[in-house]
Amino acid sequence: MRLIDADWIVDSDIANCLGAEYYSCVPDVRDMLNDQPTAYDVEAVVEQLNKELELADEEKRRCAVENMLQFDETKGYARGMACAIEIVKRGGRDEK
């Protein structure tokens, strides 16, 4: 599976695929494309975010020892990465 940008598919592209005799179906196909949810590989995204979280945690540990002025910044970044992972796992839906 791969992501596509459906906005790049113009009505003339749809008409060319359907054929001239089905031009009246173009608005229905456009609606169908617009109604589709965004699809992505949750596992792959979470894996990438976890790598970033590991780097942020390493930097947080380093700053706690070497540079306390940057500690809050790195702590906030790590927290943001952890939140992003949870949002992706939920599929962008509310926590409810």
PDB file of N, CA and C in Angstrom:
ATOM      1  N   MET A   1       0.844  -1.161   0.000  1.00  0.00           N
ATOM      2  CA  MET A   1       0.000   0.000   0.000  1.00  0.00           C
ATOM      3  C   MET A   1       0.896   1.232   0.000  1.00  0.00           C
ATOM      4  N   ARG A   2       0.423   2.295  -0.665  1.00  0.00           N
ATOM      5  CA  ARG A   2       1.171   3.536  -0.674  1.00  0.00           C
ATOM      6  C   ARG A   2       0.195   4.697  -0.630  1.00  0.00           C
ATOM      7  N   LEU A   3       0.674   5.802  -0.130  1.00  0.00           N
ATOM      8  CA  LEU A   3      -0.139   7.001  -0.087  1.00  0.00           C
ATOM      9  C   LEU A   3      -0.130   7.664  -1.451  1.00  0.00           C
ATOM     10  N   ILE A   4      -1.269   8.231  -1.812  1.00  0.00           N
ATOM     11  CA  ILE A   4      -1.334   9.045  -3.018  1.00  0.00           C
ATOM     12  C   ILE A   4      -1.972  10.370  -2.649  1.00  0.00           C
ATOM     13  N   ASP A   5      -1.737  11.382  -3.454  1.00  0.00           N
ATOM     14  CA  ASP A   5      -2.388  12.668  -3.276  1.00  0.00           C
ATOM     15  C   ASP A   5      -3.505  12.736  -4.301  1.00  0.00           C
ATOM     16  N   ALA A   6      -4.718  12.427  -3.858  1.00  0.00           N
ATOM     17  CA  ALA A   6      -5.865  12.367  -4.767  1.00  0.00           C
ATOM     18  C   ALA A   6      -6.170  13.719  -5.395  1.00  0.00           C
ATOM     19  N   ASP A   7      -5.696  14.802  -4.789  1.00  0.00           N
ATOM     20  CA  ASP A   7      -5.928  16.127  -5.362  1.00  0.00           C
ATOM     21  C   ASP A   7      -5.224  16.302  -6.700  1.00  0.00           C
ATOM     22  N   TRP A   8      -4.206  15.489  -6.939  1.00  0.00           N
ATOM     23  CA  TRP A   8      -3.492  15.576  -8.211  1.00  0.00           C
ATOM     24  C   TRP A   8      -4.233  14.868  -9.344  1.00  0.00           C
ATOM     25  N   ILE A   9      -5.226  14.083  -9.003  1.00  0.00           N
ATOM     26  CA  ILE A   9      -6.013  13.384 -10.033  1.00  0.00           C
ATOM     27  C   ILE A   9      -7.114  14.331 -10.491  1.00  0.00           C
ATOM     28  N   VAL A  10      -6.966  14.849 -11.675  1.00  0.00           N
ATOM     29  CA  VAL A  10      -7.924  15.828 -12.198  1.00  0.00           C
ATOM     30  C   VAL A  10      -9.049  15.116 -12.937  1.00  0.00           C
ATOM     31  N   ASP A  11     -10.146  15.835 -13.111  1.00  0.00           N
ATOM     32  CA  ASP A  11     -11.331  15.252 -13.744  1.00  0.00           C
ATOM     33  C   ASP A  11     -11.037  14.693 -15.132  1.00  0.00           C
ATOM     34  N   SER A  12     -10.151  15.340 -15.868  1.00  0.00           N
ATOM     35  CA  SER A  12      -9.836  14.833 -17.209  1.00  0.00           C
ATOM     36  C   SER A  12      -9.131  13.477 -17.132  1.00  0.00           C
ATOM     37  N   ASP A  13      -8.325  13.254 -16.083  1.00  0.00           N
ATOM     38  CA  ASP A  13      -7.687  11.940 -15.892  1.00  0.00           C
ATOM     39  C   ASP A  13      -8.750  10.873 -15.648  1.00  0.00           C
ATOM     40  N   ILE A  14      -9.708  11.209 -14.811  1.00  0.00           N
ATOM     41  CA  ILE A  14     -10.790  10.268 -14.511  1.00  0.00           C
ATOM     42  C   ILE A  14     -11.575   9.965 -15.783  1.00  0.00           C
ATOM     43  N   ALA A  15     -11.908  10.996 -16.534  1.00  0.00           N
ATOM     44  CA  ALA A  15     -12.676  10.825 -17.771  1.00  0.00           C
ATOM     45  C   ALA A  15     -11.918   9.970 -18.769  1.00  0.00           C
ATOM     46  N   ASN A  16     -10.602  10.177 -18.860  1.00  0.00           N
ATOM     47  CA  ASN A  16      -9.800   9.381 -19.794  1.00  0.00           C
ATOM     48  C   ASN A  16      -9.812   7.905 -19.408  1.00  0.00           C
ATOM     49  N   CYS A  17      -9.796   7.622 -18.116  1.00  0.00           N
ATOM     50  CA  CYS A  17      -9.807   6.227 -17.666  1.00  0.00           C
ATOM     51  C   CYS A  17     -11.167   5.577 -17.879  1.00  0.00           C
ATOM     52  N   LEU A  18     -12.215   6.343 -17.648  1.00  0.00           N
ATOM     53  CA  LEU A  18     -13.563   5.790 -17.782  1.00  0.00           C
ATOM     54  C   LEU A  18     -14.003   5.673 -19.233  1.00  0.00           C
ATOM     55  N   GLY A  19     -13.548   6.599 -20.046  1.00  0.00           N
ATOM     56  CA  GLY A  19     -14.004   6.658 -21.429  1.00  0.00           C
ATOM     57  C   GLY A  19     -15.059   7.745 -21.562  1.00  0.00           C
ATOM     58  N   ALA A  20     -15.154   8.315 -22.737  1.00  0.00           N
ATOM     59  CA  ALA A  20     -16.039   9.463 -22.980  1.00  0.00           C
ATOM     60  C   ALA A  20     -17.499   9.154 -22.665  1.00  0.00           C
ATOM     61  N   GLU A  21     -17.915   7.923 -22.885  1.00  0.00           N
ATOM     62  CA  GLU A  21     -19.331   7.587 -22.663  1.00  0.00           C
ATOM     63  C   GLU A  21     -19.706   7.593 -21.183  1.00  0.00           C
ATOM     64  N   TYR A  22     -18.702   7.586 -20.301  1.00  0.00           N
ATOM     65  CA  TYR A  22     -18.974   7.596 -18.859  1.00  0.00           C
ATOM     66  C   TYR A  22     -18.581   8.917 -18.198  1.00  0.00           C
ATOM     67  N   TYR A  23     -18.471   9.982 -18.989  1.00  0.00           N
ATOM     68  CA  TYR A  23     -18.051  11.266 -18.444  1.00  0.00           C
ATOM     69  C   TYR A  23     -18.975  11.748 -17.319  1.00  0.00           C
ATOM     70  N   SER A  24     -20.230  11.386 -17.398  1.00  0.00           N
ATOM     71  CA  SER A  24     -21.188  11.818 -16.365  1.00  0.00           C
ATOM     72  C   SER A  24     -20.878  11.198 -15.003  1.00  0.00           C
ATOM     73  N   CYS A  25     -20.055  10.156 -14.962  1.00  0.00           N
ATOM     74  CA  CYS A  25     -19.681   9.496 -13.701  1.00  0.00           C
ATOM     75  C   CYS A  25     -18.512  10.178 -13.000  1.00  0.00           C
ATOM     76  N   VAL A  26     -17.862  11.119 -13.664  1.00  0.00           N
ATOM     77  CA  VAL A  26     -16.675  11.763 -13.098  1.00  0.00           C
ATOM     78  C   VAL A  26     -16.950  12.358 -11.714  1.00  0.00           C
ATOM     79  N   PRO A  27     -18.049  13.106 -11.512  1.00  0.00           N
ATOM     80  CA  PRO A  27     -18.290  13.651 -10.163  1.00  0.00           C
ATOM     81  C   PRO A  27     -18.432  12.556  -9.095  1.00  0.00           C
ATOM     82  N   ASP A  28     -19.034  11.436  -9.446  1.00  0.00           N
ATOM     83  CA  ASP A  28     -19.174  10.341  -8.487  1.00  0.00           C
ATOM     84  C   ASP A  28     -17.815   9.740  -8.135  1.00  0.00           C
ATOM     85  N   VAL A  29     -16.957   9.578  -9.127  1.00  0.00           N
ATOM     86  CA  VAL A  29     -15.616   9.047  -8.875  1.00  0.00           C
ATOM     87  C   VAL A  29     -14.817  10.042  -8.035  1.00  0.00           C
ATOM     88  N   ARG A  30     -14.946  11.333  -8.340  1.00  0.00           N
ATOM     89  CA  ARG A  30     -14.251  12.373  -7.558  1.00  0.00           C
ATOM     90  C   ARG A  30     -14.709  12.303  -6.096  1.00  0.00           C
ATOM     91  N   ASP A  31     -16.027  12.188  -5.876  1.00  0.00           N
ATOM     92  CA  ASP A  31     -16.554  12.076  -4.509  1.00  0.00           C
ATOM     93  C   ASP A  31     -16.000  10.837  -3.806  1.00  0.00           C
ATOM     94  N   MET A  32     -15.928   9.725  -4.537  1.00  0.00           N
ATOM     95  CA  MET A  32     -15.406   8.491  -3.961  1.00  0.00           C
ATOM     96  C   MET A  32     -13.949   8.678  -3.518  1.00  0.00           C
ATOM     97  N   LEU A  33     -13.157   9.320  -4.362  1.00  0.00           N
ATOM     98  CA  LEU A  33     -11.752   9.569  -4.011  1.00  0.00           C
ATOM     99  C   LEU A  33     -11.645  10.479  -2.790  1.00  0.00           C
ATOM    100  N   ASN A  34     -12.458  11.514  -2.744  1.00  0.00           N
ATOM    101  CA  ASN A  34     -12.398  12.463  -1.630  1.00  0.00           C
ATOM    102  C   ASN A  34     -12.855  11.842  -0.318  1.00  0.00           C
ATOM    103  N   ASP A  35     -13.709  10.827  -0.383  1.00  0.00           N
ATOM    104  CA  ASP A  35     -14.238  10.202   0.833  1.00  0.00           C
ATOM    105  C   ASP A  35     -13.310   9.141   1.420  1.00  0.00           C
ATOM    106  N   GLN A  36     -12.246   8.802   0.712  1.00  0.00           N
ATOM    107  CA  GLN A  36     -11.362   7.741   1.182  1.00  0.00           C
ATOM    108  C   GLN A  36     -10.462   8.240   2.306  1.00  0.00           C
ATOM    109  N   PRO A  37     -10.298   7.423   3.350  1.00  0.00           N
ATOM    110  CA  PRO A  37      -9.406   7.841   4.440  1.00  0.00           C
ATOM    111  C   PRO A  37      -7.949   7.735   3.999  1.00  0.00           C
ATOM    112  N   THR A  38      -7.107   8.491   4.676  1.00  0.00           N
ATOM    113  CA  THR A  38      -5.677   8.391   4.422  1.00  0.00           C
ATOM    114  C   THR A  38      -5.191   7.053   4.963  1.00  0.00           C
ATOM    115  N   ALA A  39      -4.449   6.348   4.159  1.00  0.00           N
ATOM    116  CA  ALA A  39      -3.938   5.038   4.567  1.00  0.00           C
ATOM    117  C   ALA A  39      -2.423   5.109   4.698  1.00  0.00           C
ATOM    118  N   TYR A  40      -1.913   4.481   5.730  1.00  0.00           N
ATOM    119  CA  TYR A  40      -0.463   4.403   5.907  1.00  0.00           C
ATOM    120  C   TYR A  40      -0.143   3.170   6.730  1.00  0.00           C
ATOM    121  N   ASP A  41       1.079   2.766   6.688  1.00  0.00           N
ATOM    122  CA  ASP A  41       1.537   1.594   7.412  1.00  0.00           C
ATOM    123  C   ASP A  41       1.867   2.017   8.850  1.00  0.00           C
ATOM    124  N   VAL A  42       0.934   1.770   9.756  1.00  0.00           N
ATOM    125  CA  VAL A  42       1.078   2.201  11.143  1.00  0.00           C
ATOM    126  C   VAL A  42       2.357   1.651  11.755  1.00  0.00           C
ATOM    127  N   GLU A  43       2.641   0.391  11.519  1.00  0.00           N
ATOM    128  CA  GLU A  43       3.829  -0.230  12.113  1.00  0.00           C
ATOM    129  C   GLU A  43       5.108   0.473  11.675  1.00  0.00           C
ATOM    130  N   ALA A  44       5.196   0.804  10.392  1.00  0.00           N
ATOM    131  CA  ALA A  44       6.399   1.462   9.879  1.00  0.00           C
ATOM    132  C   ALA A  44       6.535   2.872  10.458  1.00  0.00           C
ATOM    133  N   VAL A  45       5.426   3.589  10.572  1.00  0.00           N
ATOM    134  CA  VAL A  45       5.475   4.941  11.127  1.00  0.00           C
ATOM    135  C   VAL A  45       5.873   4.889  12.599  1.00  0.00           C
ATOM    136  N   VAL A  46       5.273   3.973  13.358  1.00  0.00           N
ATOM    137  CA  VAL A  46       5.602   3.844  14.779  1.00  0.00           C
ATOM    138  C   VAL A  46       7.070   3.464  14.949  1.00  0.00           C
ATOM    139  N   GLU A  47       7.570   2.592  14.094  1.00  0.00           N
ATOM    140  CA  GLU A  47       8.982   2.199  14.166  1.00  0.00           C
ATOM    141  C   GLU A  47       9.898   3.406  13.965  1.00  0.00           C
ATOM    142  N   GLN A  48       9.589   4.243  12.980  1.00  0.00           N
ATOM    143  CA  GLN A  48      10.399   5.433  12.732  1.00  0.00           C
ATOM    144  C   GLN A  48      10.317   6.402  13.914  1.00  0.00           C
ATOM    145  N   LEU A  49       9.115   6.583  14.445  1.00  0.00           N
ATOM    146  CA  LEU A  49       8.959   7.492  15.582  1.00  0.00           C
ATOM    147  C   LEU A  49       9.669   6.951  16.825  1.00  0.00           C
ATOM    148  N   ASN A  50       9.659   5.642  17.011  1.00  0.00           N
ATOM    149  CA  ASN A  50      10.370   5.054  18.151  1.00  0.00           C
ATOM    150  C   ASN A  50      11.873   5.293  18.056  1.00  0.00           C
ATOM    151  N   LYS A  51      12.412   5.250  16.843  1.00  0.00           N
ATOM    152  CA  LYS A  51      13.837   5.549  16.659  1.00  0.00           C
ATOM    153  C   LYS A  51      14.122   6.990  17.064  1.00  0.00           C
ATOM    154  N   GLU A  52      13.236   7.902  16.663  1.00  0.00           N
ATOM    155  CA  GLU A  52      13.401   9.300  17.051  1.00  0.00           C
ATOM    156  C   GLU A  52      13.283   9.464  18.563  1.00  0.00           C
ATOM    157  N   LEU A  53      12.354   8.725  19.166  1.00  0.00           N
ATOM    158  CA  LEU A  53      12.182   8.794  20.616  1.00  0.00           C
ATOM    159  C   LEU A  53      13.431   8.293  21.335  1.00  0.00           C
ATOM    160  N   GLU A  54      14.035   7.234  20.823  1.00  0.00           N
ATOM    161  CA  GLU A  54      15.279   6.723  21.424  1.00  0.00           C
ATOM    162  C   GLU A  54      16.383   7.782  21.361  1.00  0.00           C
ATOM    163  N   LEU A  55      16.505   8.443  20.214  1.00  0.00           N
ATOM    164  CA  LEU A  55      17.512   9.499  20.079  1.00  0.00           C
ATOM    165  C   LEU A  55      17.220  10.646  21.047  1.00  0.00           C
ATOM    166  N   ALA A  56      15.947  10.997  21.179  1.00  0.00           N
ATOM    167  CA  ALA A  56      15.568  12.078  22.095  1.00  0.00           C
ATOM    168  C   ALA A  56      15.868  11.697  23.535  1.00  0.00           C
ATOM    169  N   ASP A  57      15.602  10.443  23.887  1.00  0.00           N
ATOM    170  CA  ASP A  57      15.893   9.992  25.253  1.00  0.00           C
ATOM    171  C   ASP A  57      17.396   9.992  25.534  1.00  0.00           C
ATOM    172  N   GLU A  58      18.190   9.596  24.532  1.00  0.00           N
ATOM    173  CA  GLU A  58      19.648   9.636  24.691  1.00  0.00           C
ATOM    174  C   GLU A  58      20.125  11.075  24.898  1.00  0.00           C
ATOM    175  N   GLU A  59      19.573  11.980  24.117  1.00  0.00           N
ATOM    176  CA  GLU A  59      19.958  13.384  24.238  1.00  0.00           C
ATOM    177  C   GLU A  59      19.511  13.948  25.588  1.00  0.00           C
ATOM    178  N   LYS A  60      18.360  13.522  26.045  1.00  0.00           N
ATOM    179  CA  LYS A  60      17.859  13.963  27.355  1.00  0.00           C
ATOM    180  C   LYS A  60      18.813  13.512  28.461  1.00  0.00           C
ATOM    181  N   ARG A  61      19.261  12.261  28.389  1.00  0.00           N
ATOM    182  CA  ARG A  61      20.221  11.753  29.386  1.00  0.00           C
ATOM    183  C   ARG A  61      21.540  12.523  29.334  1.00  0.00           C
ATOM    184  N   ARG A  62      22.000  12.807  28.116  1.00  0.00           N
ATOM    185  CA  ARG A  62      23.244  13.551  27.964  1.00  0.00           C
ATOM    186  C   ARG A  62      23.109  14.954  28.556  1.00  0.00           C
ATOM    187  N   CYS A  63      22.009  15.606  28.248  1.00  0.00           N
ATOM    188  CA  CYS A  63      21.802  16.967  28.746  1.00  0.00           C
ATOM    189  C   CYS A  63      21.659  17.004  30.265  1.00  0.00           C
ATOM    190  N   ALA A  64      21.087  15.969  30.844  1.00  0.00           N
ATOM    191  CA  ALA A  64      20.935  15.928  32.301  1.00  0.00           C
ATOM    192  C   ALA A  64      22.301  15.961  32.980  1.00  0.00           C
ATOM    193  N   VAL A  65      23.317  15.432  32.300  1.00  0.00           N
ATOM    194  CA  VAL A  65      24.664  15.376  32.869  1.00  0.00           C
ATOM    195  C   VAL A  65      25.506  16.576  32.419  1.00  0.00           C
ATOM    196  N   GLU A  66      25.428  16.907  31.136  1.00  0.00           N
ATOM    197  CA  GLU A  66      26.359  17.875  30.561  1.00  0.00           C
ATOM    198  C   GLU A  66      25.806  19.294  30.405  1.00  0.00           C
ATOM    199  N   ASN A  67      24.515  19.436  30.159  1.00  0.00           N
ATOM    200  CA  ASN A  67      23.987  20.750  29.804  1.00  0.00           C
ATOM    201  C   ASN A  67      22.545  20.889  30.286  1.00  0.00           C
ATOM    202  N   MET A  68      22.369  21.241  31.528  1.00  0.00           N
ATOM    203  CA  MET A  68      21.027  21.340  32.107  1.00  0.00           C
ATOM    204  C   MET A  68      20.164  22.407  31.432  1.00  0.00           C
ATOM    205  N   LEU A  69      20.798  23.384  30.763  1.00  0.00           N
ATOM    206  CA  LEU A  69      20.027  24.424  30.083  1.00  0.00           C
ATOM    207  C   LEU A  69      19.207  23.841  28.936  1.00  0.00           C
ATOM    208  N   GLN A  70      19.677  22.786  28.323  1.00  0.00           N
ATOM    209  CA  GLN A  70      18.956  22.165  27.213  1.00  0.00           C
ATOM    210  C   GLN A  70      18.080  21.001  27.663  1.00  0.00           C
ATOM    211  N   PHE A  71      18.139  20.632  28.928  1.00  0.00           N
ATOM    212  CA  PHE A  71      17.412  19.459  29.398  1.00  0.00           C
ATOM    213  C   PHE A  71      15.906  19.605  29.189  1.00  0.00           C
ATOM    214  N   ASP A  72      15.336  20.756  29.568  1.00  0.00           N
ATOM    215  CA  ASP A  72      13.890  20.942  29.412  1.00  0.00           C
ATOM    216  C   ASP A  72      13.462  20.858  27.955  1.00  0.00           C
ATOM    217  N   GLU A  73      14.285  21.409  27.080  1.00  0.00           N
ATOM    218  CA  GLU A  73      13.984  21.358  25.648  1.00  0.00           C
ATOM    219  C   GLU A  73      13.954  19.913  25.147  1.00  0.00           C
ATOM    220  N   THR A  74      14.950  19.140  25.499  1.00  0.00           N
ATOM    221  CA  THR A  74      14.996  17.752  25.041  1.00  0.00           C
ATOM    222  C   THR A  74      13.916  16.911  25.711  1.00  0.00           C
ATOM    223  N   LYS A  75      13.597  17.233  26.960  1.00  0.00           N
ATOM    224  CA  LYS A  75      12.522  16.516  27.648  1.00  0.00           C
ATOM    225  C   LYS A  75      11.193  16.775  26.930  1.00  0.00           C
ATOM    226  N   GLY A  76      10.967  18.029  26.532  1.00  0.00           N
ATOM    227  CA  GLY A  76       9.745  18.365  25.803  1.00  0.00           C
ATOM    228  C   GLY A  76       9.679  17.673  24.450  1.00  0.00           C
ATOM    229  N   TYR A  77      10.807  17.602  23.757  1.00  0.00           N
ATOM    230  CA  TYR A  77      10.851  16.929  22.463  1.00  0.00           C
ATOM    231  C   TYR A  77      10.539  15.442  22.628  1.00  0.00           C
ATOM    232  N   ALA A  78      11.139  14.821  23.632  1.00  0.00           N
ATOM    233  CA  ALA A  78      10.886  13.390  23.880  1.00  0.00           C
ATOM    234  C   ALA A  78       9.416  13.158  24.207  1.00  0.00           C
ATOM    235  N   ARG A  79       8.834  14.037  25.005  1.00  0.00           N
ATOM    236  CA  ARG A  79       7.410  13.911  25.341  1.00  0.00           C
ATOM    237  C   ARG A  79       6.548  14.055  24.089  1.00  0.00           C
ATOM    238  N   GLY A  80       6.910  14.989  23.228  1.00  0.00           N
ATOM    239  CA  GLY A  80       6.178  15.169  21.971  1.00  0.00           C
ATOM    240  C   GLY A  80       6.247  13.933  21.086  1.00  0.00           C
ATOM    241  N   MET A  81       7.414  13.308  21.023  1.00  0.00           N
ATOM    242  CA  MET A  81       7.565  12.090  20.225  1.00  0.00           C
ATOM    243  C   MET A  81       6.705  10.974  20.796  1.00  0.00           C
ATOM    244  N   ALA A  82       6.677  10.836  22.119  1.00  0.00           N
ATOM    245  CA  ALA A  82       5.857   9.800  22.755  1.00  0.00           C
ATOM    246  C   ALA A  82       4.379  10.045  22.462  1.00  0.00           C
ATOM    247  N   CYS A  83       3.949  11.302  22.504  1.00  0.00           N
ATOM    248  CA  CYS A  83       2.552  11.624  22.179  1.00  0.00           C
ATOM    249  C   CYS A  83       2.245  11.311  20.719  1.00  0.00           C
ATOM    250  N   ALA A  84       3.169  11.633  19.830  1.00  0.00           N
ATOM    251  CA  ALA A  84       2.966  11.354  18.397  1.00  0.00           C
ATOM    252  C   ALA A  84       2.795   9.859  18.157  1.00  0.00           C
ATOM    253  N   ILE A  85       3.575   9.052  18.859  1.00  0.00           N
ATOM    254  CA  ILE A  85       3.469   7.596  18.709  1.00  0.00           C
ATOM    255  C   ILE A  85       2.076   7.128  19.119  1.00  0.00           C
ATOM    256  N   GLU A  86       1.576   7.644  20.221  1.00  0.00           N
ATOM    257  CA  GLU A  86       0.238   7.247  20.687  1.00  0.00           C
ATOM    258  C   GLU A  86      -0.843   7.693  19.716  1.00  0.00           C
ATOM    259  N   ILE A  87      -0.705   8.874  19.151  1.00  0.00           N
ATOM    260  CA  ILE A  87      -1.683   9.366  18.176  1.00  0.00           C
ATOM    261  C   ILE A  87      -1.691   8.470  16.940  1.00  0.00           C
ATOM    262  N   VAL A  88      -0.513   8.101  16.455  1.00  0.00           N
ATOM    263  CA  VAL A  88      -0.423   7.233  15.272  1.00  0.00           C
ATOM    264  C   VAL A  88      -1.035   5.869  15.572  1.00  0.00           C
ATOM    265  N   LYS A  89      -0.758   5.326  16.749  1.00  0.00           N
ATOM    266  CA  LYS A  89      -1.314   4.018  17.112  1.00  0.00           C
ATOM    267  C   LYS A  89      -2.838   4.048  17.153  1.00  0.00           C
ATOM    268  N   ARG A  90      -3.404   5.186  17.557  1.00  0.00           N
ATOM    269  CA  ARG A  90      -4.868   5.328  17.597  1.00  0.00           C
ATOM    270  C   ARG A  90      -5.433   5.650  16.219  1.00  0.00           C
ATOM    271  N   GLY A  91      -4.595   5.875  15.252  1.00  0.00           N
ATOM    272  CA  GLY A  91      -5.072   6.211  13.917  1.00  0.00           C
ATOM    273  C   GLY A  91      -5.572   7.637  13.830  1.00  0.00           C
ATOM    274  N   GLY A  92      -5.106   8.500  14.733  1.00  0.00           N
ATOM    275  CA  GLY A  92      -5.516   9.895  14.713  1.00  0.00           C
ATOM    276  C   GLY A  92      -6.849  10.146  15.392  1.00  0.00           C
ATOM    277  N   ARG A  93      -7.459   9.084  15.916  1.00  0.00           N
ATOM    278  CA  ARG A  93      -8.756   9.235  16.578  1.00  0.00           C
ATOM    279  C   ARG A  93      -8.573   9.736  18.004  1.00  0.00           C
ATOM    280  N   ASP A  94      -9.632  10.300  18.554  1.00  0.00           N
ATOM    281  CA  ASP A  94      -9.608  10.749  19.944  1.00  0.00           C
ATOM    282  C   ASP A  94      -9.370   9.563  20.852  1.00  0.00           C
ATOM    283  N   GLU A  95      -8.920   9.854  22.070  1.00  0.00           N
ATOM    284  CA  GLU A  95      -8.586   8.801  23.019  1.00  0.00           C
ATOM    285  C   GLU A  95      -9.794   7.990  23.458  1.00  0.00           C
ATOM    286  N   LYS A  96     -10.989   8.495  23.262  1.00  0.00           N
ATOM    287  CA  LYS A  96     -12.210   7.826  23.733  1.00  0.00           C
ATOM    288  C   LYS A  96     -12.438   6.489  23.092  1.00  0.00           C
TER     289      LYS A  96
END
